[in-house]
Amino acid sequence: MEERLRQIVWEKRKWLIGKGNALPPAAKGVICDIDVGNARPVAQRVRKISPQFREKLADLIRGLLSARMIRASKSPWASPIVVIVKKNGVDIRLCVDYRLVNGLTQLMVYPMPLVTDLLEDLDNYR
């Protein structure tokens, strides 16, 4: 089974691997609802971004907006972004610190899909 997984990942590698700050492919048909019970919305403060990353960050955000992977929001919820430098020392990764929201999230109990079913689905997807 491990060899089959390697083969599938190799065949679908273009879906998984980008270069530098290349945008990943957009997820289609994915809807995510987060149950926070009766918690009141929390808007955390913006964190300071190092001046050396501001231009790259602005470019990355513009790209995500134009690719419709993110959109402007007026939500009462806000979590701070964190900029991480990739291993090549040049490109950046945009992360969001959801620790506070995660602490408010109600646990969802559902059966985990079988790995073999997931691999079959991936292999059949064209």
C-alpha atoms as a PDB file:
ATOM      1  CA  MET A   1       0.000   0.000   0.000  1.00  0.00           C
ATOM      2  CA  GLU A   2       2.891   2.382   0.743  1.00  0.00           C
ATOM      3  CA  GLU A   3       4.224   1.942  -2.787  1.00  0.00           C
ATOM      4  CA  ARG A   4       0.761   2.652  -4.227  1.00  0.00           C
ATOM      5  CA  LEU A   5       0.561   5.853  -2.152  1.00  0.00           C
ATOM      6  CA  ARG A   6       3.955   6.960  -3.477  1.00  0.00           C
ATOM      7  CA  GLN A   7       2.817   6.291  -7.035  1.00  0.00           C
ATOM      8  CA  ILE A   8      -0.413   8.295  -6.614  1.00  0.00           C
ATOM      9  CA  VAL A   9       1.375  11.218  -4.959  1.00  0.00           C
ATOM     10  CA  TRP A  10       3.985  11.215  -7.731  1.00  0.00           C
ATOM     11  CA  GLU A  11       1.301  11.204 -10.436  1.00  0.00           C
ATOM     12  CA  LYS A  12      -0.596  14.062  -8.741  1.00  0.00           C
ATOM     13  CA  ARG A  13       2.482  16.034  -7.647  1.00  0.00           C
ATOM     14  CA  LYS A  14       1.498  19.099  -9.691  1.00  0.00           C
ATOM     15  CA  TRP A  15      -1.535  19.479  -7.422  1.00  0.00           C
ATOM     16  CA  LEU A  16       0.600  19.374  -4.298  1.00  0.00           C
ATOM     17  CA  ILE A  17       3.812  21.225  -5.068  1.00  0.00           C
ATOM     18  CA  GLY A  18       4.325  24.894  -5.865  1.00  0.00           C
ATOM     19  CA  LYS A  19       7.497  26.889  -6.351  1.00  0.00           C
ATOM     20  CA  GLY A  20       8.433  29.643  -3.937  1.00  0.00           C
ATOM     21  CA  ASN A  21       5.402  31.780  -3.258  1.00  0.00           C
ATOM     22  CA  ALA A  22       3.316  30.127  -5.966  1.00  0.00           C
ATOM     23  CA  LEU A  23      -0.346  30.023  -5.031  1.00  0.00           C
ATOM     24  CA  PRO A  24      -1.740  26.566  -4.329  1.00  0.00           C
ATOM     25  CA  PRO A  25      -4.720  25.411  -6.356  1.00  0.00           C
ATOM     26  CA  ALA A  26      -8.050  26.639  -5.000  1.00  0.00           C
ATOM     27  CA  ALA A  27     -10.188  24.159  -3.092  1.00  0.00           C
ATOM     28  CA  LYS A  28     -13.515  23.760  -4.851  1.00  0.00           C
ATOM     29  CA  GLY A  29     -16.782  22.929  -3.153  1.00  0.00           C
ATOM     30  CA  VAL A  30     -15.307  23.124   0.343  1.00  0.00           C
ATOM     31  CA  ILE A  31     -17.511  24.695   2.989  1.00  0.00           C
ATOM     32  CA  CYS A  32     -16.320  24.888   6.559  1.00  0.00           C
ATOM     33  CA  ASP A  33     -18.599  25.732   9.469  1.00  0.00           C
ATOM     34  CA  ILE A  34     -17.019  26.199  12.871  1.00  0.00           C
ATOM     35  CA  ASP A  35     -19.253  25.691  15.895  1.00  0.00           C
ATOM     36  CA  VAL A  36     -18.205  28.037  18.694  1.00  0.00           C
ATOM     37  CA  GLY A  37     -21.334  27.492  20.755  1.00  0.00           C
ATOM     38  CA  ASN A  38     -22.486  30.708  22.435  1.00  0.00           C
ATOM     39  CA  ALA A  39     -19.054  32.361  22.397  1.00  0.00           C
ATOM     40  CA  ARG A  40     -19.005  36.052  21.581  1.00  0.00           C
ATOM     41  CA  PRO A  41     -16.943  37.028  18.518  1.00  0.00           C
ATOM     42  CA  VAL A  42     -13.314  37.834  19.237  1.00  0.00           C
ATOM     43  CA  ALA A  43     -11.309  40.290  17.137  1.00  0.00           C
ATOM     44  CA  GLN A  44      -7.639  40.005  18.009  1.00  0.00           C
ATOM     45  CA  ARG A  45      -5.227  42.831  17.346  1.00  0.00           C
ATOM     46  CA  VAL A  46      -3.078  42.920  14.248  1.00  0.00           C
ATOM     47  CA  ARG A  47       0.513  41.840  14.900  1.00  0.00           C
ATOM     48  CA  LYS A  48       3.457  43.874  13.760  1.00  0.00           C
ATOM     49  CA  ILE A  49       4.964  42.719  10.457  1.00  0.00           C
ATOM     50  CA  SER A  50       8.669  43.214   9.865  1.00  0.00           C
ATOM     51  CA  PRO A  51       9.283  45.912   7.208  1.00  0.00           C
ATOM     52  CA  GLN A  52      11.375  43.466   5.156  1.00  0.00           C
ATOM     53  CA  PHE A  53       8.287  41.264   4.599  1.00  0.00           C
ATOM     54  CA  ARG A  54       5.604  43.904   3.981  1.00  0.00           C
ATOM     55  CA  GLU A  55       6.002  44.108   0.201  1.00  0.00           C
ATOM     56  CA  LYS A  56       6.109  40.315  -0.226  1.00  0.00           C
ATOM     57  CA  LEU A  57       3.108  39.988   2.056  1.00  0.00           C
ATOM     58  CA  ALA A  58       1.157  42.613   0.093  1.00  0.00           C
ATOM     59  CA  ASP A  59       1.985  40.781  -3.171  1.00  0.00           C
ATOM     60  CA  LEU A  60       0.925  37.455  -1.689  1.00  0.00           C
ATOM     61  CA  ILE A  61      -2.369  38.877  -0.393  1.00  0.00           C
ATOM     62  CA  ARG A  62      -3.088  40.552  -3.747  1.00  0.00           C
ATOM     63  CA  GLY A  63      -2.479  37.218  -5.473  1.00  0.00           C
ATOM     64  CA  LEU A  64      -4.768  35.362  -3.071  1.00  0.00           C
ATOM     65  CA  LEU A  65      -7.472  37.998  -3.566  1.00  0.00           C
ATOM     66  CA  SER A  66      -7.220  37.914  -7.371  1.00  0.00           C
ATOM     67  CA  ALA A  67      -7.278  34.093  -7.327  1.00  0.00           C
ATOM     68  CA  ARG A  68     -10.403  34.331  -5.131  1.00  0.00           C
ATOM     69  CA  MET A  69      -8.788  32.166  -2.481  1.00  0.00           C
ATOM     70  CA  ILE A  70      -9.488  34.850   0.111  1.00  0.00           C
ATOM     71  CA  ARG A  71     -11.862  37.797   0.204  1.00  0.00           C
ATOM     72  CA  ALA A  72     -12.296  40.999   2.157  1.00  0.00           C
ATOM     73  CA  SER A  73     -14.312  40.489   5.313  1.00  0.00           C
ATOM     74  CA  LYS A  74     -16.214  42.622   7.786  1.00  0.00           C
ATOM     75  CA  SER A  75     -16.642  39.746  10.229  1.00  0.00           C
ATOM     76  CA  PRO A  76     -16.572  40.504  13.955  1.00  0.00           C
ATOM     77  CA  TRP A  77     -14.048  37.657  14.209  1.00  0.00           C
ATOM     78  CA  ALA A  78     -10.382  38.400  13.464  1.00  0.00           C
ATOM     79  CA  SER A  79      -7.260  36.317  14.000  1.00  0.00           C
ATOM     80  CA  PRO A  80      -3.751  37.695  13.461  1.00  0.00           C
ATOM     81  CA  ILE A  81      -1.550  36.614  10.582  1.00  0.00           C
ATOM     82  CA  VAL A  82       1.982  35.367  11.103  1.00  0.00           C
ATOM     83  CA  VAL A  83       4.656  35.552   8.392  1.00  0.00           C
ATOM     84  CA  ILE A  84       7.073  32.620   8.289  1.00  0.00           C
ATOM     85  CA  VAL A  85      10.217  32.593   6.141  1.00  0.00           C
ATOM     86  CA  LYS A  86      10.496  29.437   4.040  1.00  0.00           C
ATOM     87  CA  LYS A  87      13.619  27.257   4.157  1.00  0.00           C
ATOM     88  CA  ASN A  88      15.078  28.951   1.088  1.00  0.00           C
ATOM     89  CA  GLY A  89      15.352  32.132   3.190  1.00  0.00           C
ATOM     90  CA  VAL A  90      13.640  34.241   0.521  1.00  0.00           C
ATOM     91  CA  ASP A  91       9.999  33.261   0.161  1.00  0.00           C
ATOM     92  CA  ILE A  92       7.362  33.654   2.842  1.00  0.00           C
ATOM     93  CA  ARG A  93       4.462  31.584   4.082  1.00  0.00           C
ATOM     94  CA  LEU A  94       1.310  33.279   5.328  1.00  0.00           C
ATOM     95  CA  CYS A  95      -0.131  31.639   8.436  1.00  0.00           C
ATOM     96  CA  VAL A  96      -3.039  32.573  10.681  1.00  0.00           C
ATOM     97  CA  ASP A  97      -2.928  32.154  14.460  1.00  0.00           C
ATOM     98  CA  TYR A  98      -6.244  30.487  15.253  1.00  0.00           C
ATOM     99  CA  ARG A  99      -5.285  29.293  18.745  1.00  0.00           C
ATOM    100  CA  LEU A 100      -7.880  31.464  20.477  1.00  0.00           C
ATOM    101  CA  VAL A 101     -10.651  30.396  18.070  1.00  0.00           C
ATOM    102  CA  ASN A 102      -9.568  26.766  18.396  1.00  0.00           C
ATOM    103  CA  GLY A 103     -10.038  27.058  22.159  1.00  0.00           C
ATOM    104  CA  LEU A 104     -13.655  28.164  21.618  1.00  0.00           C
ATOM    105  CA  THR A 105     -14.469  25.556  18.972  1.00  0.00           C
ATOM    106  CA  GLN A 106     -16.838  22.753  19.937  1.00  0.00           C
ATOM    107  CA  LEU A 107     -15.383  19.330  19.188  1.00  0.00           C
ATOM    108  CA  MET A 108     -17.065  17.508  16.335  1.00  0.00           C
ATOM    109  CA  VAL A 109     -17.383  13.756  16.530  1.00  0.00           C
ATOM    110  CA  TYR A 110     -17.520  11.927  13.218  1.00  0.00           C
ATOM    111  CA  PRO A 111     -16.030   8.761  11.764  1.00  0.00           C
ATOM    112  CA  MET A 112     -12.666   9.134  10.074  1.00  0.00           C
ATOM    113  CA  PRO A 113     -12.568   7.906   6.471  1.00  0.00           C
ATOM    114  CA  LEU A 114     -10.389   4.919   5.692  1.00  0.00           C
ATOM    115  CA  VAL A 115      -7.041   5.737   4.103  1.00  0.00           C
ATOM    116  CA  THR A 116      -7.674   3.182   1.375  1.00  0.00           C
ATOM    117  CA  ASP A 117     -10.960   4.916   0.465  1.00  0.00           C
ATOM    118  CA  LEU A 118      -9.202   8.277   0.296  1.00  0.00           C
ATOM    119  CA  LEU A 119      -6.470   6.849  -1.931  1.00  0.00           C
ATOM    120  CA  GLU A 120      -9.046   5.316  -4.256  1.00  0.00           C
ATOM    121  CA  ASP A 121     -10.870   8.648  -4.469  1.00  0.00           C
ATOM    122  CA  LEU A 122      -7.603  10.440  -5.239  1.00  0.00           C
ATOM    123  CA  ASP A 123      -6.632   7.856  -7.833  1.00  0.00           C
ATOM    124  CA  ASN A 124     -10.037   8.100  -9.561  1.00  0.00           C
ATOM    125  CA  TYR A 125     -10.055  11.910  -9.613  1.00  0.00           C
ATOM    126  CA  ARG A 126      -9.002  13.264 -12.996  1.00  0.00           C
END
